[in-house]
Amino acid sequence: MRVLLVEDDGMIGGAVASALKDASYAVDWVRDGGGATTALDSQAYDVVLLDLGLPEKDGVAILRTTRSRGNAVPVVVITARDAVEDRILGLDHGADDYVVKPFDMRELLARMRAVIRRKGGSSGPVLTNGILSLDPATHEAKADGTATRLTAREFALLRALLVRPGAILSRSDLEDRIYGWGEEVESNAVEFLIHALRKKLGTDKIKNVRGVGWMVPKGD
């Protein structure tokens, strides 16, 4: 999944970006409001982490603009503004959650998973198509009664497929969910990861639609 991190503090932004990558998210990090608006206009994201106190354009203005354009991307505000009035302002302008700095990264990741689930219309923490299941908290996949731990990129690819069972994702779609800005896209990475997943989970669990892409089927 792809995350837009909007944070002007270099130390905080670097730490959050690193933790997100460790959790198998593709991360694009911008440090001002103008960069955030440009990124949201040019790229689809699964979730946005948004500071409020930003150069050029503050976070509330970004929220207002994003929602006015019909963009329903989940937004989690991450800010040092802890007054009740600030929380109400952020939520009323379209934020899906509000986290006050300093925060525990484990809590932030859990809140991100929750807003992503709500966007997908799921209440349960585990992604499943009725055949495969994937626990975003543990990176553990289960197929045919057997649980398997996945590498970070195996997890990222399978998560992208399981978010929308039955939908065909192309190579570029999958690369977009595995790699962030500035990360080198390895040759045949998608094919290599799918081969590894099939070896762990079963050859029939991920289907190839020749010339189009890959999918996990909808369960009965």
C-alpha atoms as a PDB file:
ATOM      1  CA  MET A   1       0.000   0.000   0.000  1.00  0.00           C
ATOM      2  CA  ARG A   2       1.124   3.523  -0.745  1.00  0.00           C
ATOM      3  CA  VAL A   3       1.288   6.197   1.947  1.00  0.00           C
ATOM      4  CA  LEU A   4       1.719   9.939   1.584  1.00  0.00           C
ATOM      5  CA  LEU A   5       3.590  11.317   4.594  1.00  0.00           C
ATOM      6  CA  VAL A   6       3.265  15.099   4.977  1.00  0.00           C
ATOM      7  CA  GLU A   7       5.672  16.216   7.706  1.00  0.00           C
ATOM      8  CA  ASP A   8       8.067  19.181   7.738  1.00  0.00           C
ATOM      9  CA  ASP A   9      10.162  18.039  10.717  1.00  0.00           C
ATOM     10  CA  GLY A  10      13.110  16.112   9.311  1.00  0.00           C
ATOM     11  CA  MET A  11      13.742  13.990  12.391  1.00  0.00           C
ATOM     12  CA  ILE A  12      10.112  12.979  12.873  1.00  0.00           C
ATOM     13  CA  GLY A  13       9.528  12.474   9.163  1.00  0.00           C
ATOM     14  CA  GLY A  14      12.616  10.322   8.771  1.00  0.00           C
ATOM     15  CA  ALA A  15      11.677   8.134  11.722  1.00  0.00           C
ATOM     16  CA  VAL A  16       8.078   7.682  10.543  1.00  0.00           C
ATOM     17  CA  ALA A  17       9.115   6.996   6.940  1.00  0.00           C
ATOM     18  CA  SER A  18      11.608   4.377   8.100  1.00  0.00           C
ATOM     19  CA  ALA A  19       9.029   2.673  10.330  1.00  0.00           C
ATOM     20  CA  LEU A  20       6.481   2.648   7.490  1.00  0.00           C
ATOM     21  CA  LYS A  21       8.952   1.027   5.122  1.00  0.00           C
ATOM     22  CA  ASP A  22       9.747  -1.578   7.781  1.00  0.00           C
ATOM     23  CA  ALA A  23       5.988  -2.262   7.941  1.00  0.00           C
ATOM     24  CA  SER A  24       5.928  -2.887   4.148  1.00  0.00           C
ATOM     25  CA  TYR A  25       4.360   0.384   3.034  1.00  0.00           C
ATOM     26  CA  ALA A  26       5.554   2.311  -0.018  1.00  0.00           C
ATOM     27  CA  VAL A  27       6.157   5.844   1.285  1.00  0.00           C
ATOM     28  CA  ASP A  28       6.216   9.224  -0.454  1.00  0.00           C
ATOM     29  CA  TRP A  29       7.389  11.958   1.933  1.00  0.00           C
ATOM     30  CA  VAL A  30       6.764  15.660   1.326  1.00  0.00           C
ATOM     31  CA  ARG A  31       7.599  18.508   3.707  1.00  0.00           C
ATOM     32  CA  ASP A  32       5.206  21.322   2.818  1.00  0.00           C
ATOM     33  CA  GLY A  33       1.620  21.982   1.856  1.00  0.00           C
ATOM     34  CA  GLY A  34       2.398  22.689  -1.788  1.00  0.00           C
ATOM     35  CA  GLY A  35       4.146  19.359  -2.157  1.00  0.00           C
ATOM     36  CA  ALA A  36       1.226  17.589  -0.508  1.00  0.00           C
ATOM     37  CA  THR A  37      -1.292  19.132  -2.912  1.00  0.00           C
ATOM     38  CA  THR A  38       0.858  18.223  -5.919  1.00  0.00           C
ATOM     39  CA  ALA A  39       1.280  14.650  -4.698  1.00  0.00           C
ATOM     40  CA  LEU A  40      -2.449  14.196  -4.073  1.00  0.00           C
ATOM     41  CA  ASP A  41      -3.227  15.567  -7.545  1.00  0.00           C
ATOM     42  CA  SER A  42      -0.808  13.206  -9.280  1.00  0.00           C
ATOM     43  CA  GLN A  43      -0.873   9.952  -7.312  1.00  0.00           C
ATOM     44  CA  ALA A  44      -3.494   7.699  -5.720  1.00  0.00           C
ATOM     45  CA  TYR A  45      -2.787   6.826  -2.087  1.00  0.00           C
ATOM     46  CA  ASP A  46      -4.200   4.283   0.331  1.00  0.00           C
ATOM     47  CA  VAL A  47      -3.721   6.589   3.320  1.00  0.00           C
ATOM     48  CA  VAL A  48      -2.294  10.040   4.116  1.00  0.00           C
ATOM     49  CA  LEU A  49      -0.442  10.966   7.308  1.00  0.00           C
ATOM     50  CA  LEU A  50      -0.840  14.719   7.624  1.00  0.00           C
ATOM     51  CA  ASP A  51       0.827  17.225   9.929  1.00  0.00           C
ATOM     52  CA  LEU A  52      -1.161  20.424  10.482  1.00  0.00           C
ATOM     53  CA  GLY A  53       1.590  22.999  10.978  1.00  0.00           C
ATOM     54  CA  LEU A  54       3.187  23.096   7.505  1.00  0.00           C
ATOM     55  CA  PRO A  55       4.976  25.675   5.354  1.00  0.00           C
ATOM     56  CA  GLU A  56       3.069  27.229   2.420  1.00  0.00           C
ATOM     57  CA  LYS A  57      -0.315  25.667   3.189  1.00  0.00           C
ATOM     58  CA  ASP A  58      -1.425  24.232   6.516  1.00  0.00           C
ATOM     59  CA  GLY A  59      -2.920  20.811   7.024  1.00  0.00           C
ATOM     60  CA  VAL A  60      -6.497  21.990   7.538  1.00  0.00           C
ATOM     61  CA  ALA A  61      -6.391  23.793   4.173  1.00  0.00           C
ATOM     62  CA  ILE A  62      -5.059  20.604   2.535  1.00  0.00           C
ATOM     63  CA  LEU A  63      -7.883  18.612   4.103  1.00  0.00           C
ATOM     64  CA  ARG A  64     -10.468  21.129   2.920  1.00  0.00           C
ATOM     65  CA  THR A  65      -9.114  21.111  -0.644  1.00  0.00           C
ATOM     66  CA  THR A  66      -8.783  17.330  -0.779  1.00  0.00           C
ATOM     67  CA  ARG A  67     -12.357  16.699   0.330  1.00  0.00           C
ATOM     68  CA  SER A  68     -13.786  19.458  -1.865  1.00  0.00           C
ATOM     69  CA  ARG A  69     -12.325  17.652  -4.874  1.00  0.00           C
ATOM     70  CA  GLY A  70     -14.091  14.439  -3.919  1.00  0.00           C
ATOM     71  CA  ASN A  71     -10.931  12.622  -2.840  1.00  0.00           C
ATOM     72  CA  ALA A  72     -11.971  10.156  -0.119  1.00  0.00           C
ATOM     73  CA  VAL A  73      -8.466   8.922   0.717  1.00  0.00           C
ATOM     74  CA  PRO A  74      -8.197   8.077   4.445  1.00  0.00           C
ATOM     75  CA  VAL A  75      -6.352  10.839   6.308  1.00  0.00           C
ATOM     76  CA  VAL A  76      -4.754  10.453   9.725  1.00  0.00           C
ATOM     77  CA  VAL A  77      -3.672  13.760  11.243  1.00  0.00           C
ATOM     78  CA  ILE A  78      -0.354  13.583  13.125  1.00  0.00           C
ATOM     79  CA  THR A  79       0.277  16.809  15.020  1.00  0.00           C
ATOM     80  CA  ALA A  80       1.476  18.405  18.231  1.00  0.00           C
ATOM     81  CA  ARG A  81      -1.773  20.415  18.445  1.00  0.00           C
ATOM     82  CA  ASP A  82      -3.583  18.670  21.274  1.00  0.00           C
ATOM     83  CA  ALA A  83      -6.368  21.120  22.094  1.00  0.00           C
ATOM     84  CA  VAL A  84      -9.889  19.763  21.790  1.00  0.00           C
ATOM     85  CA  GLU A  85     -10.750  22.612  19.394  1.00  0.00           C
ATOM     86  CA  ASP A  86      -7.914  21.563  17.051  1.00  0.00           C
ATOM     87  CA  ARG A  87      -9.089  17.942  17.070  1.00  0.00           C
ATOM     88  CA  ILE A  88     -12.641  18.998  16.283  1.00  0.00           C
ATOM     89  CA  LEU A  89     -11.425  21.275  13.479  1.00  0.00           C
ATOM     90  CA  GLY A  90      -9.371  18.490  11.887  1.00  0.00           C
ATOM     91  CA  LEU A  91     -12.119  15.882  12.125  1.00  0.00           C
ATOM     92  CA  ASP A  92     -14.819  18.273  10.912  1.00  0.00           C
ATOM     93  CA  HIS A  93     -12.739  19.113   7.840  1.00  0.00           C
ATOM     94  CA  GLY A  94     -12.439  15.488   6.794  1.00  0.00           C
ATOM     95  CA  ALA A  95      -9.759  13.732   8.838  1.00  0.00           C
ATOM     96  CA  ASP A  96     -10.510  10.095   9.612  1.00  0.00           C
ATOM     97  CA  ASP A  97      -8.384  10.007  12.762  1.00  0.00           C
ATOM     98  CA  TYR A  98      -6.236  12.329  14.854  1.00  0.00           C
ATOM     99  CA  VAL A  99      -2.996  11.335  16.608  1.00  0.00           C
ATOM    100  CA  VAL A 100      -1.101  13.710  18.893  1.00  0.00           C
ATOM    101  CA  LYS A 101       2.698  13.837  18.961  1.00  0.00           C
ATOM    102  CA  PRO A 102       4.645  12.258  20.479  1.00  0.00           C
ATOM    103  CA  PHE A 103       3.035   8.949  19.576  1.00  0.00           C
ATOM    104  CA  ASP A 104       3.980   5.299  19.642  1.00  0.00           C
ATOM    105  CA  MET A 105       4.578   4.080  16.089  1.00  0.00           C
ATOM    106  CA  ARG A 106       2.757   0.841  16.865  1.00  0.00           C
ATOM    107  CA  GLU A 107      -0.380   2.814  17.689  1.00  0.00           C
ATOM    108  CA  LEU A 108      -0.079   4.882  14.517  1.00  0.00           C
ATOM    109  CA  LEU A 109       0.236   1.719  12.409  1.00  0.00           C
ATOM    110  CA  ALA A 110      -2.813   0.245  14.131  1.00  0.00           C
ATOM    111  CA  ARG A 111      -4.832   3.406  13.482  1.00  0.00           C
ATOM    112  CA  MET A 112      -3.760   3.338   9.828  1.00  0.00           C
ATOM    113  CA  ARG A 113      -4.914  -0.258   9.501  1.00  0.00           C
ATOM    114  CA  ALA A 114      -8.253   0.696  11.069  1.00  0.00           C
ATOM    115  CA  VAL A 115      -8.987   3.588   8.687  1.00  0.00           C
ATOM    116  CA  ILE A 116      -7.930   1.489   5.688  1.00  0.00           C
ATOM    117  CA  ARG A 117     -10.301  -1.276   6.822  1.00  0.00           C
ATOM    118  CA  ARG A 118     -13.146   1.201   7.164  1.00  0.00           C
ATOM    119  CA  LYS A 119     -12.508   2.518   3.660  1.00  0.00           C
ATOM    120  CA  GLY A 120     -12.667  -1.033   2.324  1.00  0.00           C
ATOM    121  CA  GLY A 121     -15.888  -1.737   4.192  1.00  0.00           C
ATOM    122  CA  SER A 122     -14.289  -4.366   6.420  1.00  0.00           C
ATOM    123  CA  SER A 123     -14.646  -4.529  10.175  1.00  0.00           C
ATOM    124  CA  GLY A 124     -12.276  -7.431  10.814  1.00  0.00           C
ATOM    125  CA  PRO A 125      -8.509  -7.000  11.113  1.00  0.00           C
ATOM    126  CA  VAL A 126      -7.642  -9.935   8.815  1.00  0.00           C
ATOM    127  CA  LEU A 127      -7.820  -9.631   5.021  1.00  0.00           C
ATOM    128  CA  THR A 128      -9.327 -12.671   3.325  1.00  0.00           C
ATOM    129  CA  ASN A 129     -10.972 -13.853   0.130  1.00  0.00           C
ATOM    130  CA  GLY A 130     -12.267 -17.016   1.797  1.00  0.00           C
ATOM    131  CA  ILE A 131      -9.314 -19.009   0.472  1.00  0.00           C
ATOM    132  CA  LEU A 132      -6.318 -17.031   1.714  1.00  0.00           C
ATOM    133  CA  SER A 133      -6.079 -14.868   4.812  1.00  0.00           C
ATOM    134  CA  LEU A 134      -3.517 -12.240   5.736  1.00  0.00           C
ATOM    135  CA  ASP A 135      -2.997 -10.601   9.113  1.00  0.00           C
ATOM    136  CA  PRO A 136      -1.582  -7.072   8.612  1.00  0.00           C
ATOM    137  CA  ALA A 137      -0.442  -6.922  12.241  1.00  0.00           C
ATOM    138  CA  THR A 138       1.778 -10.029  12.060  1.00  0.00           C
ATOM    139  CA  HIS A 139       2.518 -10.370   8.314  1.00  0.00           C
ATOM    140  CA  GLU A 140       1.267 -13.938   8.578  1.00  0.00           C
ATOM    141  CA  ALA A 141      -0.608 -15.557   5.699  1.00  0.00           C
ATOM    142  CA  LYS A 142      -2.730 -18.669   6.016  1.00  0.00           C
ATOM    143  CA  ALA A 143      -3.733 -21.093   3.271  1.00  0.00           C
ATOM    144  CA  ASP A 144      -5.060 -24.647   3.500  1.00  0.00           C
ATOM    145  CA  GLY A 145      -4.809 -24.488   7.288  1.00  0.00           C
ATOM    146  CA  THR A 146      -1.103 -23.642   7.277  1.00  0.00           C
ATOM    147  CA  ALA A 147       0.248 -20.298   8.524  1.00  0.00           C
ATOM    148  CA  THR A 148       3.344 -18.746   6.926  1.00  0.00           C
ATOM    149  CA  ARG A 149       5.331 -15.606   7.723  1.00  0.00           C
ATOM    150  CA  LEU A 150       6.006 -13.445   4.673  1.00  0.00           C
ATOM    151  CA  THR A 151       8.856 -11.118   3.804  1.00  0.00           C
ATOM    152  CA  ALA A 152       8.072  -7.399   3.721  1.00  0.00           C
ATOM    153  CA  ARG A 153       7.591  -7.237  -0.042  1.00  0.00           C
ATOM    154  CA  GLU A 154       5.757 -10.557  -0.264  1.00  0.00           C
ATOM    155  CA  PHE A 155       3.375  -9.159   2.324  1.00  0.00           C
ATOM    156  CA  ALA A 156       2.989  -5.843   0.456  1.00  0.00           C
ATOM    157  CA  LEU A 157       2.130  -7.588  -2.798  1.00  0.00           C
ATOM    158  CA  LEU A 158      -0.333 -10.061  -1.283  1.00  0.00           C
ATOM    159  CA  ARG A 159      -1.985  -7.274   0.722  1.00  0.00           C
ATOM    160  CA  ALA A 160      -2.540  -5.289  -2.483  1.00  0.00           C
ATOM    161  CA  LEU A 161      -4.265  -8.280  -4.085  1.00  0.00           C
ATOM    162  CA  LEU A 162      -6.371  -9.198  -1.052  1.00  0.00           C
ATOM    163  CA  VAL A 163      -7.711  -5.687  -0.563  1.00  0.00           C
ATOM    164  CA  ARG A 164      -9.745  -6.237  -3.743  1.00  0.00           C
ATOM    165  CA  PRO A 165     -10.314  -9.946  -4.435  1.00  0.00           C
ATOM    166  CA  GLY A 166     -11.288 -10.543  -8.046  1.00  0.00           C
ATOM    167  CA  ALA A 167      -9.671  -7.324  -9.287  1.00  0.00           C
ATOM    168  CA  ILE A 168      -6.803  -7.712 -11.743  1.00  0.00           C
ATOM    169  CA  LEU A 169      -3.697  -5.681 -10.889  1.00  0.00           C
ATOM    170  CA  SER A 170      -1.057  -5.069 -13.534  1.00  0.00           C
ATOM    171  CA  ARG A 171       2.678  -5.141 -12.966  1.00  0.00           C
ATOM    172  CA  SER A 172       2.742  -1.337 -12.681  1.00  0.00           C
ATOM    173  CA  ASP A 173      -0.198  -1.417 -10.234  1.00  0.00           C
ATOM    174  CA  LEU A 174       1.698  -3.804  -7.977  1.00  0.00           C
ATOM    175  CA  GLU A 175       5.019  -1.969  -8.307  1.00  0.00           C
ATOM    176  CA  ASP A 176       3.174   1.205  -7.291  1.00  0.00           C
ATOM    177  CA  ARG A 177       2.158  -0.461  -4.014  1.00  0.00           C
ATOM    178  CA  ILE A 178       5.610  -1.912  -3.293  1.00  0.00           C
ATOM    179  CA  TYR A 179       7.982   0.951  -4.159  1.00  0.00           C
ATOM    180  CA  GLY A 180       7.957   4.587  -3.013  1.00  0.00           C
ATOM    181  CA  TRP A 181       9.532   7.630  -4.689  1.00  0.00           C
ATOM    182  CA  GLY A 182      13.232   7.233  -5.348  1.00  0.00           C
ATOM    183  CA  GLU A 183      13.292   3.482  -4.744  1.00  0.00           C
ATOM    184  CA  GLU A 184      14.781   1.442  -7.559  1.00  0.00           C
ATOM    185  CA  VAL A 185      12.275  -0.955  -9.105  1.00  0.00           C
ATOM    186  CA  GLU A 186      14.055  -4.269  -9.448  1.00  0.00           C
ATOM    187  CA  SER A 187      13.750  -6.108 -12.745  1.00  0.00           C
ATOM    188  CA  ASN A 188      11.069  -8.829 -12.670  1.00  0.00           C
ATOM    189  CA  ALA A 189      10.448  -8.114  -8.979  1.00  0.00           C
ATOM    190  CA  VAL A 190       6.712  -8.745  -9.243  1.00  0.00           C
ATOM    191  CA  GLU A 191       7.177 -12.093 -10.984  1.00  0.00           C
ATOM    192  CA  PHE A 192       9.792 -13.117  -8.435  1.00  0.00           C
ATOM    193  CA  LEU A 193       7.524 -12.241  -5.499  1.00  0.00           C
ATOM    194  CA  ILE A 194       4.530 -14.039  -6.987  1.00  0.00           C
ATOM    195  CA  HIS A 195       6.667 -17.127  -7.564  1.00  0.00           C
ATOM    196  CA  ALA A 196       7.786 -16.985  -3.920  1.00  0.00           C
ATOM    197  CA  LEU A 197       4.199 -16.562  -2.678  1.00  0.00           C
ATOM    198  CA  ARG A 198       2.942 -19.453  -4.784  1.00  0.00           C
ATOM    199  CA  LYS A 199       5.712 -21.630  -3.406  1.00  0.00           C
ATOM    200  CA  LYS A 200       4.659 -20.775   0.163  1.00  0.00           C
ATOM    201  CA  LEU A 201       0.877 -20.712  -0.265  1.00  0.00           C
ATOM    202  CA  GLY A 202       0.088 -22.928  -3.232  1.00  0.00           C
ATOM    203  CA  THR A 203       0.350 -22.469  -6.982  1.00  0.00           C
ATOM    204  CA  ASP A 204      -3.390 -21.928  -7.454  1.00  0.00           C
ATOM    205  CA  LYS A 205      -3.809 -19.126  -4.921  1.00  0.00           C
ATOM    206  CA  ILE A 206      -2.693 -16.274  -7.200  1.00  0.00           C
ATOM    207  CA  LYS A 207      -4.048 -16.315 -10.749  1.00  0.00           C
ATOM    208  CA  ASN A 208      -2.326 -14.844 -13.797  1.00  0.00           C
ATOM    209  CA  VAL A 209      -4.476 -13.215 -16.454  1.00  0.00           C
ATOM    210  CA  ARG A 210      -2.166 -13.394 -19.441  1.00  0.00           C
ATOM    211  CA  GLY A 211      -1.173 -10.007 -20.793  1.00  0.00           C
ATOM    212  CA  VAL A 212      -3.130  -8.161 -18.096  1.00  0.00           C
ATOM    213  CA  GLY A 213      -1.875  -8.960 -14.581  1.00  0.00           C
ATOM    214  CA  TRP A 214      -2.608 -10.981 -11.458  1.00  0.00           C
ATOM    215  CA  MET A 215      -5.491 -11.507  -9.064  1.00  0.00           C
ATOM    216  CA  VAL A 216      -6.692 -13.556  -6.132  1.00  0.00           C
ATOM    217  CA  PRO A 217     -10.135 -15.024  -6.825  1.00  0.00           C
ATOM    218  CA  LYS A 218     -13.184 -14.216  -4.774  1.00  0.00           C
ATOM    219  CA  GLY A 219     -14.094 -17.007  -2.403  1.00  0.00           C
ATOM    220  CA  ASP A 220     -17.469 -18.676  -2.351  1.00  0.00           C
END
